[in-house]
Amino acid sequence: MVHSMAGAAVDAALFRRSVSRFATGIAIVSCMDDADQPQGMTISSFTSVSLDPATVLVSLRAGRTHALIRKRGWYGVSVLAGDQEAWSRHFSGRPQPGVEAAWAIKAHVPVLRGALAWFECEVDSVLQVHDHTLFVARVVDCDHASGQPLMFYASGYHSPESPERNP
């Protein structure tokens, strides 16, 4: 028998602490603004959805980047390397002195030069889930480099000691 928990709410602070135990990569979701200038925002909610066709999603709260992606229908994702923490902080609304983005402009979106991987994405569907919007998109171009990823775990930045796989 399934019991409904409708109306029951998990304590928000407990939920945040529990979710923080799931290590994630850090990326910058980007698009062009109304003046055709690159706009970016730090995210950890980037997920591959399908290999055929290549499909990903990002989860965003309402804001400037959200509105631009909804309007334009395209976004870029730049997966950050272990030495790019300053970019993560810069694009999370805490501009870092001396940090300037090195953008590469693809056919429809900007991506960060030197990122561990990048994706150019055309929005395929949009799903509103409570206070976030899922932007599901088809990947039209992508590439990657070697290196270690920047990760977020237990509310702090980390980078693995080795990207090599343990047997």
N, C-alpha and C. Protein backbone atom coordinates (compact mmCIF):
# COMPACT_ATOMS: atom_id res chain seq x y z
N MET A 1 0.84 -1.17 0.00
CA MET A 1 0.00 0.00 0.00
C MET A 1 0.89 1.24 0.00
N VAL A 2 0.55 2.20 -0.82
CA VAL A 2 1.28 3.46 -0.91
C VAL A 2 0.58 4.49 -0.04
N HIS A 3 1.35 5.15 0.81
CA HIS A 3 0.79 6.19 1.68
C HIS A 3 1.19 7.55 1.13
N SER A 4 0.23 8.42 0.96
CA SER A 4 0.50 9.76 0.48
C SER A 4 1.08 10.62 1.59
N MET A 5 2.10 11.38 1.24
CA MET A 5 2.70 12.32 2.19
C MET A 5 2.35 13.75 1.78
N ALA A 6 1.29 13.90 1.00
CA ALA A 6 0.90 15.22 0.53
C ALA A 6 0.78 16.18 1.70
N GLY A 7 1.40 17.31 1.55
CA GLY A 7 1.35 18.32 2.59
C GLY A 7 2.50 18.24 3.57
N ALA A 8 3.13 17.07 3.68
CA ALA A 8 4.28 16.93 4.59
C ALA A 8 5.49 17.57 3.93
N ALA A 9 6.25 18.30 4.71
CA ALA A 9 7.42 18.98 4.17
C ALA A 9 8.66 18.59 4.97
N VAL A 10 9.73 18.34 4.25
CA VAL A 10 11.03 18.07 4.87
C VAL A 10 11.61 19.41 5.31
N ASP A 11 12.27 19.43 6.44
CA ASP A 11 12.93 20.64 6.91
C ASP A 11 13.93 21.12 5.86
N ALA A 12 13.83 22.38 5.44
CA ALA A 12 14.66 22.92 4.37
C ALA A 12 16.15 22.85 4.69
N ALA A 13 16.54 23.16 5.92
CA ALA A 13 17.96 23.12 6.29
C ALA A 13 18.48 21.69 6.26
N LEU A 14 17.68 20.74 6.73
CA LEU A 14 18.08 19.33 6.70
C LEU A 14 18.21 18.85 5.26
N PHE A 15 17.26 19.24 4.42
CA PHE A 15 17.32 18.85 3.01
C PHE A 15 18.59 19.40 2.35
N ARG A 16 18.90 20.68 2.58
CA ARG A 16 20.10 21.30 2.00
C ARG A 16 21.36 20.57 2.45
N ARG A 17 21.47 20.27 3.73
CA ARG A 17 22.65 19.55 4.24
C ARG A 17 22.75 18.15 3.64
N SER A 18 21.62 17.49 3.50
CA SER A 18 21.61 16.13 2.94
C SER A 18 22.00 16.14 1.47
N VAL A 19 21.44 17.05 0.69
CA VAL A 19 21.77 17.14 -0.73
C VAL A 19 23.23 17.53 -0.93
N SER A 20 23.80 18.29 0.01
CA SER A 20 25.20 18.72 -0.13
C SER A 20 26.17 17.54 -0.08
N ARG A 21 25.69 16.38 0.32
CA ARG A 21 26.55 15.19 0.37
C ARG A 21 26.64 14.50 -0.98
N PHE A 22 25.95 15.03 -1.98
CA PHE A 22 26.03 14.50 -3.34
C PHE A 22 27.01 15.38 -4.11
N ALA A 23 28.17 14.85 -4.45
CA ALA A 23 29.19 15.62 -5.18
C ALA A 23 28.70 15.90 -6.60
N THR A 24 28.87 17.14 -7.02
CA THR A 24 28.48 17.52 -8.38
C THR A 24 29.61 18.28 -9.05
N GLY A 25 29.57 18.29 -10.36
CA GLY A 25 30.46 19.15 -11.11
C GLY A 25 29.91 20.57 -11.08
N ILE A 26 30.74 21.50 -11.48
CA ILE A 26 30.34 22.91 -11.54
C ILE A 26 30.45 23.35 -12.99
N ALA A 27 29.45 24.08 -13.45
CA ALA A 27 29.45 24.55 -14.83
C ALA A 27 28.92 25.98 -14.88
N ILE A 28 29.15 26.60 -16.01
CA ILE A 28 28.58 27.92 -16.29
C ILE A 28 27.59 27.74 -17.42
N VAL A 29 26.33 28.10 -17.17
CA VAL A 29 25.34 28.11 -18.24
C VAL A 29 25.37 29.52 -18.83
N SER A 30 25.35 29.61 -20.15
CA SER A 30 25.56 30.91 -20.79
C SER A 30 24.62 31.10 -21.98
N CYS A 31 24.44 32.36 -22.33
CA CYS A 31 23.66 32.73 -23.50
C CYS A 31 24.04 34.16 -23.87
N MET A 32 23.50 34.62 -24.95
CA MET A 32 23.72 36.00 -25.35
C MET A 32 22.59 36.86 -24.79
N ASP A 33 22.93 38.07 -24.32
CA ASP A 33 21.90 38.95 -23.78
C ASP A 33 21.27 39.76 -24.92
N ASP A 34 20.42 40.69 -24.58
CA ASP A 34 19.71 41.47 -25.60
C ASP A 34 20.62 42.38 -26.40
N ALA A 35 21.82 42.67 -25.88
CA ALA A 35 22.81 43.48 -26.60
C ALA A 35 23.84 42.59 -27.29
N ASP A 36 23.54 41.29 -27.40
CA ASP A 36 24.44 40.29 -27.99
C ASP A 36 25.78 40.22 -27.27
N GLN A 37 25.73 40.37 -25.95
CA GLN A 37 26.90 40.19 -25.10
C GLN A 37 26.73 38.90 -24.30
N PRO A 38 27.83 38.18 -24.05
CA PRO A 38 27.73 36.93 -23.29
C PRO A 38 27.26 37.17 -21.85
N GLN A 39 26.42 36.29 -21.39
CA GLN A 39 25.87 36.31 -20.03
C GLN A 39 26.05 34.90 -19.47
N GLY A 40 26.54 34.78 -18.23
CA GLY A 40 26.73 33.46 -17.65
C GLY A 40 26.30 33.38 -16.21
N MET A 41 26.05 32.16 -15.75
CA MET A 41 25.61 31.90 -14.39
C MET A 41 26.14 30.54 -13.94
N THR A 42 26.65 30.47 -12.71
CA THR A 42 27.17 29.22 -12.16
C THR A 42 26.02 28.27 -11.83
N ILE A 43 26.20 26.99 -12.21
CA ILE A 43 25.20 25.96 -11.90
C ILE A 43 25.90 24.67 -11.47
N SER A 44 25.17 23.87 -10.73
CA SER A 44 25.62 22.51 -10.45
C SER A 44 24.55 21.52 -10.90
N SER A 45 23.48 22.04 -11.45
CA SER A 45 22.35 21.21 -11.87
C SER A 45 22.35 21.03 -13.39
N PHE A 46 23.32 20.30 -13.88
CA PHE A 46 23.48 19.98 -15.31
C PHE A 46 23.48 18.47 -15.42
N THR A 47 22.64 17.92 -16.28
CA THR A 47 22.48 16.48 -16.37
C THR A 47 22.36 16.03 -17.82
N SER A 48 23.04 14.94 -18.16
CA SER A 48 22.80 14.33 -19.46
C SER A 48 21.50 13.54 -19.35
N VAL A 49 20.69 13.60 -20.39
CA VAL A 49 19.39 12.95 -20.39
C VAL A 49 19.36 11.77 -21.35
N SER A 50 19.95 11.95 -22.54
CA SER A 50 19.90 10.92 -23.57
C SER A 50 21.15 11.00 -24.44
N LEU A 51 21.58 9.85 -24.95
CA LEU A 51 22.69 9.83 -25.89
C LEU A 51 22.21 9.92 -27.33
N ASP A 52 20.99 9.45 -27.61
CA ASP A 52 20.49 9.43 -28.98
C ASP A 52 19.03 9.86 -29.00
N PRO A 53 18.76 11.12 -29.30
CA PRO A 53 19.74 12.14 -29.64
C PRO A 53 20.40 12.71 -28.38
N ALA A 54 21.57 13.29 -28.55
CA ALA A 54 22.30 13.88 -27.43
C ALA A 54 21.44 14.98 -26.80
N THR A 55 21.08 14.77 -25.53
CA THR A 55 20.16 15.67 -24.84
C THR A 55 20.64 15.90 -23.42
N VAL A 56 20.55 17.14 -22.97
CA VAL A 56 20.93 17.52 -21.61
C VAL A 56 19.83 18.37 -21.00
N LEU A 57 19.97 18.66 -19.71
CA LEU A 57 19.07 19.63 -19.09
C LEU A 57 19.82 20.43 -18.04
N VAL A 58 19.33 21.63 -17.81
CA VAL A 58 19.78 22.46 -16.70
C VAL A 58 18.53 22.86 -15.93
N SER A 59 18.70 23.09 -14.64
CA SER A 59 17.61 23.50 -13.76
C SER A 59 17.93 24.88 -13.22
N LEU A 60 17.06 25.86 -13.51
CA LEU A 60 17.33 27.24 -13.12
C LEU A 60 16.15 27.86 -12.39
N ARG A 61 16.48 28.73 -11.43
CA ARG A 61 15.46 29.57 -10.80
C ARG A 61 15.25 30.78 -11.70
N ALA A 62 14.14 31.46 -11.51
CA ALA A 62 13.85 32.66 -12.28
C ALA A 62 14.96 33.69 -12.06
N GLY A 63 15.31 34.40 -13.11
CA GLY A 63 16.34 35.42 -13.05
C GLY A 63 16.72 35.82 -14.46
N ARG A 64 17.78 36.61 -14.57
CA ARG A 64 18.18 37.15 -15.87
C ARG A 64 18.54 36.05 -16.88
N THR A 65 19.40 35.11 -16.47
CA THR A 65 19.82 34.06 -17.40
C THR A 65 18.62 33.20 -17.79
N HIS A 66 17.79 32.86 -16.84
CA HIS A 66 16.57 32.09 -17.08
C HIS A 66 15.71 32.77 -18.16
N ALA A 67 15.47 34.07 -17.99
CA ALA A 67 14.63 34.82 -18.93
C ALA A 67 15.25 34.86 -20.32
N LEU A 68 16.57 35.02 -20.39
CA LEU A 68 17.24 35.07 -21.69
C LEU A 68 17.19 33.72 -22.40
N ILE A 69 17.38 32.64 -21.67
CA ILE A 69 17.32 31.31 -22.29
C ILE A 69 15.90 31.03 -22.78
N ARG A 70 14.92 31.39 -21.98
CA ARG A 70 13.53 31.18 -22.40
C ARG A 70 13.24 31.98 -23.68
N LYS A 71 13.75 33.20 -23.75
CA LYS A 71 13.51 34.07 -24.91
C LYS A 71 14.27 33.60 -26.14
N ARG A 72 15.55 33.25 -25.97
CA ARG A 72 16.41 32.92 -27.11
C ARG A 72 16.29 31.47 -27.57
N GLY A 73 16.03 30.56 -26.63
CA GLY A 73 15.90 29.16 -27.01
C GLY A 73 17.22 28.41 -27.17
N TRP A 74 18.31 29.01 -26.72
CA TRP A 74 19.63 28.39 -26.80
C TRP A 74 20.38 28.64 -25.51
N TYR A 75 21.27 27.71 -25.14
CA TYR A 75 22.20 27.95 -24.04
C TYR A 75 23.48 27.15 -24.25
N GLY A 76 24.54 27.65 -23.65
CA GLY A 76 25.81 26.95 -23.64
C GLY A 76 26.08 26.46 -22.23
N VAL A 77 26.85 25.39 -22.12
CA VAL A 77 27.29 24.90 -20.82
C VAL A 77 28.79 24.71 -20.90
N SER A 78 29.52 25.31 -19.97
CA SER A 78 30.98 25.16 -19.86
C SER A 78 31.28 24.46 -18.54
N VAL A 79 31.79 23.24 -18.61
CA VAL A 79 32.13 22.47 -17.41
C VAL A 79 33.49 22.96 -16.92
N LEU A 80 33.55 23.38 -15.66
CA LEU A 80 34.77 23.99 -15.14
C LEU A 80 35.80 22.96 -14.70
N ALA A 81 37.06 23.31 -14.93
CA ALA A 81 38.21 22.51 -14.50
C ALA A 81 38.56 22.88 -13.07
N GLY A 82 39.36 22.03 -12.44
CA GLY A 82 39.73 22.20 -11.04
C GLY A 82 40.38 23.53 -10.70
N ASP A 83 41.02 24.16 -11.68
CA ASP A 83 41.70 25.43 -11.42
C ASP A 83 40.85 26.65 -11.80
N GLN A 84 39.54 26.45 -12.01
CA GLN A 84 38.67 27.54 -12.45
C GLN A 84 37.63 27.94 -11.40
N GLU A 85 37.98 27.78 -10.14
CA GLU A 85 37.07 28.15 -9.04
C GLU A 85 36.72 29.64 -9.11
N ALA A 86 37.67 30.47 -9.51
CA ALA A 86 37.40 31.92 -9.58
C ALA A 86 36.25 32.21 -10.55
N TRP A 87 36.17 31.46 -11.65
CA TRP A 87 35.06 31.66 -12.58
C TRP A 87 33.74 31.25 -11.93
N SER A 88 33.75 30.16 -11.17
CA SER A 88 32.53 29.74 -10.49
C SER A 88 32.04 30.83 -9.55
N ARG A 89 32.94 31.38 -8.76
CA ARG A 89 32.56 32.45 -7.83
C ARG A 89 32.10 33.70 -8.59
N HIS A 90 32.82 34.05 -9.65
CA HIS A 90 32.51 35.24 -10.44
C HIS A 90 31.08 35.18 -11.01
N PHE A 91 30.72 34.02 -11.57
CA PHE A 91 29.42 33.89 -12.21
C PHE A 91 28.30 33.51 -11.25
N SER A 92 28.62 33.38 -9.97
CA SER A 92 27.57 33.08 -8.99
C SER A 92 27.07 34.36 -8.31
N GLY A 93 27.39 35.49 -8.91
CA GLY A 93 26.90 36.76 -8.37
C GLY A 93 27.87 37.44 -7.43
N ARG A 94 29.07 36.88 -7.33
CA ARG A 94 30.11 37.50 -6.50
C ARG A 94 31.30 37.83 -7.40
N PRO A 95 31.20 38.89 -8.21
CA PRO A 95 32.28 39.21 -9.14
C PRO A 95 33.64 39.25 -8.45
N GLN A 96 34.60 38.61 -9.06
CA GLN A 96 35.95 38.52 -8.52
C GLN A 96 36.84 39.55 -9.22
N PRO A 97 37.53 40.39 -8.45
CA PRO A 97 38.44 41.37 -9.06
C PRO A 97 39.47 40.65 -9.93
N GLY A 98 39.69 41.18 -11.11
CA GLY A 98 40.70 40.62 -12.01
C GLY A 98 40.25 39.40 -12.79
N VAL A 99 39.02 38.95 -12.58
CA VAL A 99 38.53 37.77 -13.31
C VAL A 99 37.73 38.26 -14.52
N GLU A 100 38.23 37.92 -15.69
CA GLU A 100 37.52 38.25 -16.92
C GLU A 100 37.28 36.98 -17.69
N ALA A 101 36.08 36.81 -18.16
CA ALA A 101 35.73 35.61 -18.93
C ALA A 101 36.39 35.66 -20.29
N ALA A 102 36.91 34.53 -20.71
CA ALA A 102 37.47 34.38 -22.05
C ALA A 102 36.44 33.58 -22.86
N TRP A 103 35.57 34.29 -23.53
CA TRP A 103 34.48 33.64 -24.25
C TRP A 103 34.89 33.21 -25.65
N ALA A 104 34.39 32.08 -26.07
CA ALA A 104 34.44 31.64 -27.47
C ALA A 104 32.98 31.65 -27.93
N ILE A 105 32.69 32.33 -29.01
CA ILE A 105 31.32 32.42 -29.49
C ILE A 105 31.10 31.33 -30.53
N LYS A 106 30.21 30.41 -30.22
CA LYS A 106 29.85 29.34 -31.15
C LYS A 106 28.75 29.86 -32.07
N ALA A 107 28.08 29.00 -32.80
CA ALA A 107 27.06 29.44 -33.74
C ALA A 107 25.95 30.25 -33.05
N HIS A 108 25.55 29.82 -31.84
CA HIS A 108 24.42 30.48 -31.18
C HIS A 108 24.68 30.92 -29.74
N VAL A 109 25.76 30.43 -29.13
CA VAL A 109 25.99 30.69 -27.70
C VAL A 109 27.46 30.93 -27.40
N PRO A 110 27.73 31.62 -26.29
CA PRO A 110 29.12 31.73 -25.83
C PRO A 110 29.45 30.56 -24.91
N VAL A 111 30.70 30.10 -24.97
CA VAL A 111 31.22 29.11 -24.02
C VAL A 111 32.58 29.62 -23.56
N LEU A 112 33.01 29.16 -22.40
CA LEU A 112 34.28 29.63 -21.84
C LEU A 112 35.47 28.89 -22.44
N ARG A 113 36.44 29.65 -22.93
CA ARG A 113 37.69 29.05 -23.40
C ARG A 113 38.39 28.40 -22.21
N GLY A 114 38.98 27.25 -22.42
CA GLY A 114 39.71 26.58 -21.36
C GLY A 114 38.84 25.73 -20.45
N ALA A 115 37.54 25.65 -20.73
CA ALA A 115 36.66 24.80 -19.92
C ALA A 115 37.02 23.34 -20.16
N LEU A 116 36.71 22.50 -19.20
CA LEU A 116 36.99 21.07 -19.31
C LEU A 116 36.14 20.43 -20.41
N ALA A 117 34.93 20.91 -20.58
CA ALA A 117 34.04 20.49 -21.67
C ALA A 117 33.06 21.62 -21.93
N TRP A 118 32.50 21.64 -23.14
CA TRP A 118 31.48 22.64 -23.44
C TRP A 118 30.41 22.01 -24.34
N PHE A 119 29.22 22.59 -24.26
CA PHE A 119 28.06 22.10 -25.00
C PHE A 119 27.29 23.28 -25.56
N GLU A 120 26.89 23.19 -26.82
CA GLU A 120 26.00 24.18 -27.42
C GLU A 120 24.63 23.51 -27.55
N CYS A 121 23.62 24.11 -26.94
CA CYS A 121 22.34 23.43 -26.76
C CYS A 121 21.16 24.26 -27.26
N GLU A 122 20.24 23.59 -27.98
CA GLU A 122 19.00 24.22 -28.42
C GLU A 122 17.85 23.67 -27.57
N VAL A 123 17.12 24.56 -26.93
CA VAL A 123 16.04 24.15 -26.03
C VAL A 123 14.99 23.37 -26.81
N ASP A 124 14.65 22.21 -26.27
CA ASP A 124 13.67 21.31 -26.88
C ASP A 124 12.35 21.35 -26.11
N SER A 125 12.44 21.40 -24.79
CA SER A 125 11.23 21.49 -23.96
C SER A 125 11.55 22.18 -22.64
N VAL A 126 10.52 22.73 -22.06
CA VAL A 126 10.64 23.49 -20.81
C VAL A 126 9.61 22.94 -19.84
N LEU A 127 10.06 22.63 -18.63
CA LEU A 127 9.16 22.07 -17.62
C LEU A 127 9.31 22.85 -16.32
N GLN A 128 8.22 23.40 -15.84
CA GLN A 128 8.23 24.12 -14.57
C GLN A 128 8.04 23.12 -13.43
N VAL A 129 8.99 23.09 -12.48
CA VAL A 129 8.89 22.22 -11.31
C VAL A 129 9.08 23.08 -10.07
N HIS A 130 7.99 23.39 -9.40
CA HIS A 130 7.98 24.24 -8.20
C HIS A 130 8.71 25.55 -8.48
N ASP A 131 9.83 25.83 -7.81
CA ASP A 131 10.50 27.12 -7.98
C ASP A 131 11.63 27.08 -9.01
N HIS A 132 11.75 26.01 -9.78
CA HIS A 132 12.78 25.89 -10.80
C HIS A 132 12.16 25.53 -12.16
N THR A 133 12.89 25.84 -13.21
CA THR A 133 12.51 25.47 -14.56
C THR A 133 13.57 24.54 -15.11
N LEU A 134 13.13 23.41 -15.69
CA LEU A 134 14.04 22.50 -16.36
C LEU A 134 14.05 22.85 -17.84
N PHE A 135 15.23 23.20 -18.35
CA PHE A 135 15.40 23.47 -19.77
C PHE A 135 16.07 22.25 -20.40
N VAL A 136 15.27 21.42 -21.07
CA VAL A 136 15.77 20.22 -21.74
C VAL A 136 16.19 20.66 -23.15
N ALA A 137 17.39 20.25 -23.56
CA ALA A 137 17.91 20.75 -24.83
C ALA A 137 18.68 19.68 -25.60
N ARG A 138 18.63 19.80 -26.91
CA ARG A 138 19.43 18.93 -27.78
C ARG A 138 20.80 19.56 -27.95
N VAL A 139 21.81 18.74 -27.84
CA VAL A 139 23.19 19.20 -28.01
C VAL A 139 23.49 19.23 -29.50
N VAL A 140 23.86 20.41 -30.01
CA VAL A 140 24.17 20.54 -31.43
C VAL A 140 25.67 20.54 -31.69
N ASP A 141 26.47 20.79 -30.64
CA ASP A 141 27.92 20.75 -30.75
C ASP A 141 28.49 20.63 -29.35
N CYS A 142 29.66 20.01 -29.24
CA CYS A 142 30.32 19.89 -27.95
C CYS A 142 31.77 19.48 -28.17
N ASP A 143 32.57 19.63 -27.12
CA ASP A 143 33.97 19.18 -27.15
C ASP A 143 34.45 19.10 -25.71
N HIS A 144 35.61 18.51 -25.53
CA HIS A 144 36.18 18.35 -24.19
C HIS A 144 37.69 18.39 -24.25
N ALA A 145 38.29 18.56 -23.08
CA ALA A 145 39.75 18.56 -22.93
C ALA A 145 40.08 17.62 -21.77
N SER A 146 41.35 17.33 -21.61
CA SER A 146 41.74 16.51 -20.47
C SER A 146 41.94 17.43 -19.26
N GLY A 147 41.88 16.85 -18.09
CA GLY A 147 42.07 17.63 -16.87
C GLY A 147 41.16 17.14 -15.77
N GLN A 148 41.25 17.81 -14.65
CA GLN A 148 40.44 17.45 -13.49
C GLN A 148 39.27 18.42 -13.36
N PRO A 149 38.11 17.93 -12.94
CA PRO A 149 36.94 18.80 -12.81
C PRO A 149 36.93 19.57 -11.49
N LEU A 150 36.26 20.70 -11.51
CA LEU A 150 35.93 21.41 -10.28
C LEU A 150 34.65 20.77 -9.76
N MET A 151 34.65 20.43 -8.48
CA MET A 151 33.48 19.77 -7.89
C MET A 151 33.00 20.54 -6.67
N PHE A 152 31.74 20.34 -6.35
CA PHE A 152 31.14 20.95 -5.17
C PHE A 152 30.62 19.82 -4.29
N TYR A 153 31.07 19.81 -3.04
CA TYR A 153 30.68 18.76 -2.10
C TYR A 153 30.67 19.34 -0.69
N ALA A 154 29.64 19.03 0.08
CA ALA A 154 29.52 19.50 1.46
C ALA A 154 29.73 21.01 1.56
N SER A 155 29.12 21.73 0.63
CA SER A 155 29.13 23.19 0.59
C SER A 155 30.52 23.79 0.37
N GLY A 156 31.41 23.04 -0.30
CA GLY A 156 32.74 23.56 -0.59
C GLY A 156 33.26 23.05 -1.93
N TYR A 157 34.25 23.75 -2.46
CA TYR A 157 34.88 23.36 -3.72
C TYR A 157 35.91 22.27 -3.49
N HIS A 158 36.00 21.35 -4.45
CA HIS A 158 36.96 20.25 -4.39
C HIS A 158 37.39 19.91 -5.81
N SER A 159 38.52 19.23 -5.92
CA SER A 159 38.97 18.67 -7.18
C SER A 159 39.56 17.31 -6.85
N PRO A 160 39.21 16.28 -7.61
CA PRO A 160 39.74 14.95 -7.30
C PRO A 160 41.25 14.92 -7.48
N GLU A 161 41.90 14.06 -6.72
CA GLU A 161 43.35 13.96 -6.83
C GLU A 161 43.76 13.42 -8.19
N SER A 162 42.96 12.51 -8.73
CA SER A 162 43.28 11.93 -10.03
C SER A 162 41.98 11.63 -10.77
N PRO A 163 41.93 12.02 -12.05
CA PRO A 163 40.74 11.69 -12.82
C PRO A 163 40.76 10.23 -13.30
N GLU A 164 41.83 9.51 -12.98
CA GLU A 164 41.95 8.12 -13.42
C GLU A 164 40.95 7.25 -12.69
N ARG A 165 40.52 6.23 -13.36
CA ARG A 165 39.55 5.30 -12.81
C ARG A 165 40.24 4.24 -11.97
N ASN A 166 39.72 3.98 -10.79
CA ASN A 166 40.25 2.91 -9.95
C ASN A 166 39.61 1.60 -10.36
N PRO A 167 40.43 0.53 -10.50
CA PRO A 167 39.85 -0.77 -10.90
C PRO A 167 38.98 -1.35 -9.82
